[in-house]
Amino acid sequence: MNNPTNPESQTAGLRGRIFYAVAELARVGNVPVYRLVRLLRSNGVTLLHSGRALYVPLDEIQRKIPPLWKSIRIMEALRRGAVGETASSAMRHRVHRAP
């Protein structure tokens, strides 16, 4: 059974994927594709082409852009509804309104 407080289980969905589509990462990160491509290229990340689509290997992001890797892990944890350390720390700064 997956333990949502375990950082390893929070990235289990990421490990099942070898690469992400750059457009998908840009959409999730709410940034234009061209800006994400510039960021990846300026950090020496290898981009893979398949037709018009660009893909980025997750291990490249993990090794070359650790802050982006951390953000992807948080996004994945929140998407899965995890209540672990990563997700709760991301939600800690959320403002609550009075009823």
Protein backbone atom coordinates (compact mmCIF):
# COMPACT_ATOMS: atom_id res chain seq x y z
CA MET A 1 0.00 0.00 0.00
CA ASN A 2 1.26 3.50 -0.80
CA ASN A 3 2.14 5.71 2.13
CA PRO A 4 1.31 9.32 1.16
CA THR A 5 3.80 10.66 3.72
CA ASN A 6 6.66 8.78 2.06
CA PRO A 7 8.47 10.94 -0.55
CA GLU A 8 9.21 7.80 -2.56
CA SER A 9 5.50 7.05 -2.98
CA GLN A 10 4.81 10.66 -3.95
CA THR A 11 7.05 10.34 -6.99
CA ALA A 12 5.91 6.83 -7.92
CA GLY A 13 3.80 8.23 -10.75
CA LEU A 14 6.80 10.16 -12.04
CA ARG A 15 9.01 7.09 -12.09
CA GLY A 16 6.52 5.39 -14.37
CA ARG A 17 7.19 8.05 -17.00
CA ILE A 18 10.52 8.31 -18.78
CA PHE A 19 9.83 11.77 -20.15
CA TYR A 20 7.28 14.55 -20.18
CA ALA A 21 5.99 16.53 -23.13
CA VAL A 22 7.35 20.06 -22.86
CA ALA A 23 3.88 21.42 -23.70
CA GLU A 24 2.38 19.44 -20.81
CA LEU A 25 4.95 20.75 -18.33
CA ALA A 26 4.38 24.30 -19.58
CA ARG A 27 0.60 23.94 -19.24
CA VAL A 28 0.86 22.60 -15.70
CA GLY A 29 3.39 25.27 -14.76
CA ASN A 30 1.26 28.00 -16.35
CA VAL A 31 4.18 29.28 -18.46
CA PRO A 32 4.49 29.69 -22.24
CA VAL A 33 6.10 26.75 -24.04
CA TYR A 34 8.79 28.95 -25.59
CA ARG A 35 9.86 30.19 -22.15
CA LEU A 36 10.12 26.66 -20.75
CA VAL A 37 12.11 25.55 -23.81
CA ARG A 38 14.52 28.47 -23.30
CA LEU A 39 14.90 27.54 -19.62
CA LEU A 40 15.58 23.90 -20.43
CA ARG A 41 18.07 24.66 -23.20
CA SER A 42 19.91 27.30 -21.17
CA ASN A 43 20.44 24.68 -18.44
CA GLY A 44 21.77 22.10 -20.90
CA VAL A 45 18.75 19.79 -20.76
CA THR A 46 18.47 17.42 -23.73
CA LEU A 47 15.20 17.84 -25.61
CA LEU A 48 13.85 14.96 -27.68
CA HIS A 49 11.90 15.59 -30.89
CA SER A 50 9.10 13.44 -32.24
CA GLY A 51 7.51 15.20 -35.17
CA ARG A 52 6.60 18.66 -33.91
CA ALA A 53 6.42 17.61 -30.26
CA LEU A 54 9.27 18.17 -27.80
CA TYR A 55 9.90 15.87 -24.85
CA VAL A 56 12.22 16.17 -21.88
CA PRO A 57 13.65 13.20 -19.93
CA LEU A 58 12.82 13.42 -16.22
CA ASP A 59 16.32 12.39 -15.16
CA GLU A 60 17.73 15.39 -17.07
CA ILE A 61 15.48 17.76 -15.12
CA GLN A 62 16.37 16.04 -11.84
CA ARG A 63 20.12 16.34 -12.45
CA LYS A 64 20.33 19.72 -14.14
CA ILE A 65 17.46 21.79 -12.69
CA PRO A 66 16.75 20.59 -9.12
CA PRO A 67 14.28 23.43 -8.33
CA LEU A 68 12.15 22.49 -11.34
CA TRP A 69 12.32 18.82 -10.32
CA LYS A 70 11.10 19.75 -6.83
CA SER A 71 8.20 21.69 -8.34
CA ILE A 72 7.24 18.74 -10.54
CA ARG A 73 7.26 16.44 -7.50
CA ILE A 74 5.01 18.86 -5.58
CA MET A 75 2.66 19.13 -8.56
CA GLU A 76 2.46 15.35 -8.84
CA ALA A 77 1.82 14.98 -5.09
CA LEU A 78 -0.96 17.57 -5.20
CA ARG A 79 -2.45 16.00 -8.30
CA ARG A 80 -2.58 12.62 -6.57
CA GLY A 81 -4.10 14.19 -3.45
CA ALA A 82 -1.17 13.21 -1.25
CA VAL A 83 -1.08 14.70 2.22
CA GLY A 84 2.62 14.05 2.70
CA GLU A 85 5.36 16.44 3.68
CA THR A 86 5.83 17.79 0.15
CA ALA A 87 2.15 18.53 -0.43
CA SER A 88 1.50 19.93 3.03
CA SER A 89 4.51 22.23 2.84
CA ALA A 90 3.26 23.54 -0.50
CA MET A 91 -0.17 24.23 0.98
CA ARG A 92 1.14 25.75 4.23
CA HIS A 93 1.03 29.29 2.82
CA ARG A 94 -2.58 29.04 1.70
CA VAL A 95 -4.78 31.86 2.99
CA HIS A 96 -8.02 30.81 4.66
CA ARG A 97 -11.05 33.07 4.60
CA ALA A 98 -13.34 33.54 7.52
CA PRO A 99 -16.85 32.06 7.03
